[in-house]
């Protein structure tokens, strides 16, 4: 297993409780570590995780994607992969790709709307833990270069999400 770091920030007025068996930051690091291993990332890695409000994520969605609505998760990759997990483009001499203090590969940022986690868990009939885990895995796949714009890419990403969730035993 490789070392991973989640830089965590909570912008909500409450401390989210998704029924996790450990603090959010630790749980997110557990997911990141496992996703890195499943995707065969040989680098120690880090990313940020922000839990935010509907108003904040709506503003970010509007400002960066020109979509004026609340969404469940936004992902901002730090690496512009040509295709998913294209580790050949990582230049170990490019200091902008790595945290100078830890040496970890900087993957990017994940922003999750707290209210949407709870709403979608209820809507889909599963636990908040499962929904939160799914949104983290989904966002991490974006940080590794996956997307769901084209049908072929959507199928690939959905299959990868399902495989990772099954492997982590975070089931519906």
Protein backbone atom coordinates (compact mmCIF):
# COMPACT_ATOMS: atom_id res chain seq x y z
CA UNK A 1 0.00 0.00 0.00
CA UNK A 2 1.20 3.49 -0.79
CA UNK A 3 0.91 6.52 1.46
CA UNK A 4 -1.85 8.97 0.64
CA UNK A 5 -3.00 12.26 2.07
CA UNK A 6 -6.36 13.98 2.02
CA UNK A 7 -6.32 17.70 2.72
CA UNK A 8 -9.77 18.11 4.25
CA UNK A 9 -11.95 21.17 4.70
CA UNK A 10 -15.52 21.34 5.98
CA UNK A 11 -17.47 24.41 4.87
CA UNK A 12 -20.72 23.30 6.51
CA UNK A 13 -22.10 24.57 9.82
CA UNK A 14 -22.18 21.01 11.12
CA UNK A 15 -19.79 18.09 11.20
CA UNK A 16 -21.12 15.65 8.60
CA UNK A 17 -22.01 12.18 9.86
CA UNK A 18 -22.27 9.59 7.13
CA UNK A 19 -22.13 6.57 9.43
CA UNK A 20 -18.40 6.11 8.87
CA UNK A 21 -16.32 4.03 11.27
CA UNK A 22 -13.60 6.72 11.36
CA UNK A 23 -13.28 10.47 10.78
CA UNK A 24 -14.08 11.70 7.25
CA UNK A 25 -10.48 12.58 6.46
CA UNK A 26 -9.21 9.13 7.47
CA UNK A 27 -11.99 7.37 5.59
CA UNK A 28 -11.31 9.43 2.46
CA UNK A 29 -7.60 8.56 2.74
CA UNK A 30 -8.55 4.89 3.00
CA UNK A 31 -10.55 5.24 -0.24
CA UNK A 32 -7.76 7.18 -1.97
CA UNK A 33 -5.17 4.60 -0.93
CA UNK A 34 -7.29 1.74 -2.25
CA UNK A 35 -8.15 3.50 -5.51
CA UNK A 36 -4.46 4.29 -6.05
CA UNK A 37 -3.60 0.63 -5.54
CA UNK A 38 -6.41 -0.63 -7.78
CA UNK A 39 -5.38 1.84 -10.51
CA UNK A 40 -1.74 0.78 -10.06
CA UNK A 41 -0.52 4.29 -9.24
CA UNK A 42 3.07 3.85 -8.09
CA UNK A 43 3.28 7.32 -6.55
CA UNK A 44 2.37 8.43 -3.08
CA UNK A 45 -0.55 10.75 -3.75
CA UNK A 46 -2.63 13.53 -2.29
CA UNK A 47 -5.76 15.46 -3.10
CA UNK A 48 -8.05 17.85 -1.35
CA UNK A 49 -11.58 17.14 -0.20
CA UNK A 50 -14.04 19.91 0.58
CA UNK A 51 -17.46 19.16 2.05
CA UNK A 52 -19.65 22.13 1.25
CA UNK A 53 -23.16 23.55 1.13
CA UNK A 54 -25.60 23.61 -1.79
CA UNK A 55 -25.07 27.37 -2.24
CA UNK A 56 -21.29 27.03 -2.37
CA UNK A 57 -21.24 24.12 -4.81
CA UNK A 58 -23.80 25.90 -7.00
CA UNK A 59 -21.53 28.97 -7.14
CA UNK A 60 -18.48 26.84 -7.99
CA UNK A 61 -20.45 24.91 -10.63
CA UNK A 62 -21.61 28.17 -12.20
CA UNK A 63 -18.18 29.82 -12.06
CA UNK A 64 -16.16 26.89 -13.42
CA UNK A 65 -18.62 24.92 -15.55
CA UNK A 66 -21.17 27.60 -16.44
CA UNK A 67 -23.93 25.38 -15.03
CA UNK A 68 -26.07 27.34 -12.58
CA UNK A 69 -27.31 24.48 -10.42
CA UNK A 70 -26.46 22.44 -7.36
CA UNK A 71 -24.55 19.24 -8.07
CA UNK A 72 -23.37 16.39 -5.87
CA UNK A 73 -19.65 16.42 -6.64
CA UNK A 74 -17.13 18.46 -8.59
CA UNK A 75 -13.67 17.27 -9.51
CA UNK A 76 -10.74 19.44 -10.51
CA UNK A 77 -7.84 17.29 -11.75
CA UNK A 78 -4.34 18.68 -11.34
CA UNK A 79 -3.00 16.39 -14.06
CA UNK A 80 -4.29 16.51 -17.61
CA UNK A 81 -4.14 12.81 -18.44
CA UNK A 82 -4.37 12.00 -22.17
CA UNK A 83 -6.24 8.86 -21.16
CA UNK A 84 -7.10 7.33 -17.78
CA UNK A 85 -4.10 6.48 -15.63
CA UNK A 86 -1.56 7.60 -18.24
CA UNK A 87 1.28 7.66 -15.72
CA UNK A 88 3.85 8.13 -18.49
CA UNK A 89 2.99 11.83 -18.60
CA UNK A 90 4.07 12.31 -14.98
CA UNK A 91 7.41 14.04 -14.96
CA UNK A 92 9.24 13.44 -11.71
CA UNK A 93 11.42 16.49 -12.46
CA UNK A 94 8.34 18.74 -12.72
CA UNK A 95 8.06 20.02 -9.18
CA UNK A 96 4.61 21.46 -9.87
CA UNK A 97 3.23 17.91 -10.01
CA UNK A 98 4.40 17.07 -6.50
CA UNK A 99 3.89 18.56 -3.06
CA UNK A 100 7.29 20.01 -2.13
CA UNK A 101 6.79 19.19 1.57
CA UNK A 102 5.71 15.55 1.19
CA UNK A 103 6.83 14.54 -2.31
CA UNK A 104 3.32 13.24 -2.99
CA UNK A 105 1.79 13.44 -6.45
CA UNK A 106 -0.91 16.14 -6.45
CA UNK A 107 -4.06 14.67 -8.01
CA UNK A 108 -6.41 17.63 -7.62
CA UNK A 109 -9.50 18.69 -5.73
CA UNK A 110 -12.82 17.05 -4.86
CA UNK A 111 -15.80 19.10 -3.70
CA UNK A 112 -18.83 17.27 -2.33
CA UNK A 113 -22.18 18.76 -1.39
CA UNK A 114 -23.14 17.50 2.07
CA UNK A 115 -26.89 17.90 1.50
CA UNK A 116 -26.72 15.94 -1.77
CA UNK A 117 -24.97 13.03 -0.04
CA UNK A 118 -27.88 12.68 2.38
CA UNK A 119 -30.59 13.35 -0.23
CA UNK A 120 -29.17 10.90 -2.80
CA UNK A 121 -28.64 8.19 -0.17
CA UNK A 122 -32.32 8.42 0.70
CA UNK A 123 -33.37 8.71 -2.95
CA UNK A 124 -31.36 5.64 -4.01
CA UNK A 125 -32.23 3.62 -0.91
CA UNK A 126 -28.78 3.12 0.50
CA UNK A 127 -26.70 4.48 3.35
CA UNK A 128 -25.00 7.88 3.48
CA UNK A 129 -21.72 5.97 3.85
CA UNK A 130 -22.31 4.22 0.54
CA UNK A 131 -23.26 7.48 -1.21
CA UNK A 132 -20.28 9.36 0.22
CA UNK A 133 -17.96 6.50 -0.78
CA UNK A 134 -19.40 6.41 -4.28
CA UNK A 135 -18.95 10.16 -4.75
CA UNK A 136 -15.33 9.95 -3.55
CA UNK A 137 -14.58 7.03 -5.89
CA UNK A 138 -16.34 8.80 -8.77
CA UNK A 139 -14.37 11.99 -8.14
CA UNK A 140 -11.06 10.14 -7.77
CA UNK A 141 -11.63 8.46 -11.12
CA UNK A 142 -12.02 11.93 -12.65
CA UNK A 143 -8.75 12.96 -11.00
CA UNK A 144 -7.10 9.96 -12.69
CA UNK A 145 -8.42 10.98 -16.11
CA UNK A 146 -11.71 9.10 -16.42
CA UNK A 147 -14.79 10.89 -17.72
CA UNK A 148 -18.32 10.12 -18.85
CA UNK A 149 -18.87 12.54 -21.72
CA UNK A 150 -18.75 9.99 -24.54
CA UNK A 151 -20.80 6.79 -24.24
CA UNK A 152 -17.75 4.53 -24.48
CA UNK A 153 -16.00 6.50 -21.71
CA UNK A 154 -19.15 6.49 -19.56
CA UNK A 155 -19.36 2.70 -19.74
CA UNK A 156 -15.66 2.36 -18.89
CA UNK A 157 -15.98 4.71 -15.91
CA UNK A 158 -19.16 3.09 -14.61
CA UNK A 159 -17.59 -0.36 -14.84
CA UNK A 160 -14.52 0.88 -12.98
CA UNK A 161 -16.68 2.49 -10.27
CA UNK A 162 -18.65 -0.72 -9.82
CA UNK A 163 -15.50 -2.84 -9.64
CA UNK A 164 -13.88 -0.54 -7.06
CA UNK A 165 -17.01 -0.34 -4.91
CA UNK A 166 -17.37 -4.13 -5.02
CA UNK A 167 -13.71 -4.62 -4.16
CA UNK A 168 -14.06 -2.24 -1.19
CA UNK A 169 -17.25 -4.06 -0.19
CA UNK A 170 -19.24 -0.81 -0.09
CA UNK A 171 -22.45 -2.21 -1.46
CA UNK A 172 -25.98 -0.90 -1.93
